[in-house]
Amino acid sequence: MDAVFDRRSVLLGGVAVALSGCAPEAADASEGQWGDSPFRRISDADWKRRLGDASWRVLRHEGTERPFSSALNDEHRRGVFVCKGCALPLFQSGWKYDSGTGWPSFTRVMQDNIGTKTDRLIGIARTEYHCARCLGHQGHLFMDGPAPTGRRYCNNGVALSFRPA
């Protein structure tokens, strides 16, 4: 089975199960300073060529990688985590922590560089966040993180690249 699920499936008991009729609300405008970004004019086929299958499914089709599958879980150097689609900085390495969930997790995000929307794909409302410049899906925000923010930005590793300091 692929290491990434598309947005119409969910992992239940280790098996990808198809969901139907579970579309999230329309994305926020995410215009801001990135509204005229050339990254928003790239075709889906070009994204697939640029990113490869796993990153394309997550970034462009809101998939999810398998937990504990990302090498970025073990990335502890100083630097910046950037969107794999357009290299927009999203997280400083000092904001990363081990949440035990199997996905790279962060307590803070570069707020001007993300957009959000409500995702009800699994039957409950969650806050999905995406890159503000290319609109690439990154992950979900949960309010079960450590102090001082209480936030856990749970990110797909295949949606990020790491730039060492």
Protein backbone atom coordinates (compact mmCIF):
# COMPACT_ATOMS: atom_id res chain seq x y z
CA MET A 1 0.00 0.00 0.00
CA ASP A 2 1.23 3.54 -0.73
CA ALA A 3 2.74 5.54 2.09
CA VAL A 4 0.31 8.39 1.37
CA PHE A 5 -3.49 8.42 1.31
CA ASP A 6 -5.55 10.75 -0.78
CA ARG A 7 -8.06 13.02 0.92
CA ARG A 8 -10.93 10.62 0.25
CA SER A 9 -9.52 7.89 2.49
CA VAL A 10 -8.69 7.54 6.15
CA LEU A 11 -6.51 5.06 8.02
CA LEU A 12 -8.58 2.76 10.21
CA GLY A 13 -6.85 -0.14 11.90
CA GLY A 14 -3.91 0.15 9.49
CA VAL A 15 -6.13 0.00 6.39
CA ALA A 16 -6.99 2.91 4.09
CA VAL A 17 -10.79 3.17 4.02
CA ALA A 18 -12.54 5.21 1.33
CA LEU A 19 -14.87 7.99 2.46
CA SER A 20 -17.61 9.54 0.39
CA GLY A 21 -19.52 12.78 0.77
CA CYS A 22 -16.96 14.22 3.16
CA ALA A 23 -15.62 17.35 1.53
CA PRO A 24 -14.16 20.19 3.58
CA GLU A 25 -15.53 23.71 3.32
CA ALA A 26 -14.11 25.96 0.66
CA ALA A 27 -10.66 27.24 1.45
CA ASP A 28 -10.22 30.69 2.88
CA ALA A 29 -9.23 33.36 0.41
CA SER A 30 -5.52 33.10 1.37
CA GLU A 31 -4.97 36.15 -0.77
CA GLY A 32 -2.87 38.51 1.33
CA GLN A 33 0.55 39.17 -0.14
CA TRP A 34 0.59 35.83 -2.01
CA GLY A 35 -2.67 36.20 -3.99
CA ASP A 36 -0.90 36.74 -7.32
CA SER A 37 1.76 34.07 -6.75
CA PRO A 38 2.93 32.29 -9.94
CA PHE A 39 2.85 29.05 -7.89
CA ARG A 40 -0.94 29.23 -8.04
CA ARG A 41 -0.88 28.97 -11.83
CA ILE A 42 1.07 25.68 -12.07
CA SER A 43 -0.94 22.83 -13.58
CA ASP A 44 -1.63 19.66 -11.61
CA ALA A 45 0.47 17.65 -14.09
CA ASP A 46 3.40 20.03 -13.63
CA TRP A 47 3.07 19.80 -9.84
CA LYS A 48 3.21 16.01 -10.08
CA ARG A 49 6.41 16.19 -12.18
CA ARG A 50 8.00 18.69 -9.79
CA LEU A 51 7.08 16.95 -6.54
CA GLY A 52 6.89 13.20 -7.16
CA ASP A 53 3.90 11.05 -6.24
CA ALA A 54 3.96 11.17 -2.42
CA SER A 55 4.51 14.92 -2.04
CA TRP A 56 2.07 15.65 -4.89
CA ARG A 57 -0.71 13.62 -3.20
CA VAL A 58 -0.23 15.45 0.09
CA LEU A 59 0.43 18.99 -1.13
CA ARG A 60 -1.96 19.10 -4.08
CA HIS A 61 -4.66 16.58 -3.06
CA GLU A 62 -4.65 16.85 0.74
CA GLY A 63 -3.36 13.35 1.34
CA THR A 64 -1.67 12.12 4.51
CA GLU A 65 1.57 10.22 4.83
CA ARG A 66 1.85 7.20 7.10
CA PRO A 67 2.90 8.07 10.66
CA PHE A 68 6.58 7.55 11.49
CA SER A 69 7.48 7.43 7.77
CA SER A 70 9.18 10.84 7.51
CA ALA A 71 12.91 11.32 7.98
CA LEU A 72 12.04 14.83 9.23
CA ASN A 73 10.78 13.27 12.48
CA ASP A 74 14.46 12.82 13.39
CA GLU A 75 15.67 16.20 12.09
CA HIS A 76 17.11 18.11 15.06
CA ARG A 77 19.57 20.55 13.48
CA ARG A 78 19.11 24.31 13.60
CA GLY A 79 17.39 25.68 10.53
CA VAL A 80 14.05 26.30 8.88
CA PHE A 81 11.36 23.96 7.58
CA VAL A 82 9.96 25.25 4.28
CA CYS A 83 7.05 24.29 2.02
CA LYS A 84 8.26 21.61 -0.39
CA GLY A 85 6.12 23.12 -3.14
CA CYS A 86 7.47 26.67 -3.14
CA ALA A 87 10.14 26.91 -0.39
CA LEU A 88 8.17 29.43 1.68
CA PRO A 89 9.49 29.29 5.29
CA LEU A 90 6.90 27.84 7.67
CA PHE A 91 8.64 26.70 10.88
CA GLN A 92 11.84 27.47 12.76
CA SER A 93 13.59 24.36 14.04
CA GLY A 94 13.31 25.60 17.65
CA TRP A 95 9.53 25.25 17.39
CA LYS A 96 9.71 21.52 16.57
CA TYR A 97 9.03 18.91 19.25
CA ASP A 98 8.37 15.18 19.46
CA SER A 99 4.61 14.82 19.83
CA GLY A 100 4.76 11.02 19.69
CA THR A 101 2.23 11.06 16.83
CA GLY A 102 4.63 10.05 14.06
CA TRP A 103 4.44 13.34 12.16
CA PRO A 104 6.75 16.35 12.46
CA SER A 105 5.05 18.65 14.98
CA PHE A 106 5.59 22.29 15.87
CA THR A 107 4.32 24.65 18.58
CA ARG A 108 4.39 27.73 16.34
CA VAL A 109 4.18 28.63 12.65
CA MET A 110 5.17 31.68 10.63
CA GLN A 111 1.58 32.92 10.79
CA ASP A 112 1.67 35.15 7.68
CA ASN A 113 2.82 32.18 5.60
CA ILE A 114 -0.18 29.89 6.15
CA GLY A 115 -3.87 29.89 5.40
CA THR A 116 -6.51 27.76 7.12
CA LYS A 117 -9.86 26.15 6.48
CA THR A 118 -12.25 23.85 8.31
CA ASP A 119 -11.92 20.18 7.35
CA ARG A 120 -14.75 17.77 8.24
CA LEU A 121 -13.35 14.81 6.29
CA ILE A 122 -13.34 12.41 9.26
CA GLY A 123 -16.68 13.59 10.64
CA ILE A 124 -15.37 16.18 13.09
CA ALA A 125 -14.29 19.75 12.44
CA ARG A 126 -10.52 20.19 12.29
CA THR A 127 -8.39 23.17 11.30
CA GLU A 128 -6.41 22.35 8.16
CA TYR A 129 -3.54 24.63 7.27
CA HIS A 130 -1.80 25.17 3.97
CA CYS A 131 1.03 27.22 2.48
CA ALA A 132 -0.22 30.73 1.79
CA ARG A 133 1.89 31.11 -1.36
CA CYS A 134 1.23 27.86 -3.31
CA LEU A 135 -1.83 26.63 -1.33
CA GLY A 136 -0.09 23.30 -0.69
CA HIS A 137 -1.69 21.22 2.09
CA GLN A 138 0.61 20.89 5.10
CA GLY A 139 -1.38 19.36 7.94
CA HIS A 140 -3.78 20.09 10.79
CA LEU A 141 -3.69 22.26 13.91
CA PHE A 142 -4.62 20.68 17.24
CA MET A 143 -4.89 22.34 20.64
CA ASP A 144 -3.11 19.55 22.54
CA GLY A 145 0.46 20.81 22.25
CA PRO A 146 2.89 21.80 25.00
CA ALA A 147 3.15 25.15 26.75
CA PRO A 148 3.45 27.97 26.11
CA THR A 149 1.18 27.87 23.02
CA GLY A 150 -0.80 24.66 23.60
CA ARG A 151 -0.74 24.25 19.82
CA ARG A 152 0.38 21.28 17.76
CA TYR A 153 0.92 21.97 14.08
CA CYS A 154 0.91 18.37 12.88
CA ASN A 155 2.67 18.43 9.51
CA ASN A 156 3.21 15.89 6.75
CA GLY A 157 6.96 15.43 6.32
CA VAL A 158 6.62 14.99 2.54
CA ALA A 159 5.13 18.51 2.41
CA LEU A 160 8.29 20.05 3.88
CA SER A 161 11.95 20.49 3.08
CA PHE A 162 14.57 21.34 5.69
CA ARG A 163 17.08 24.15 5.21
CA PRO A 164 19.93 23.91 7.77
CA ALA A 165 21.19 27.14 9.34
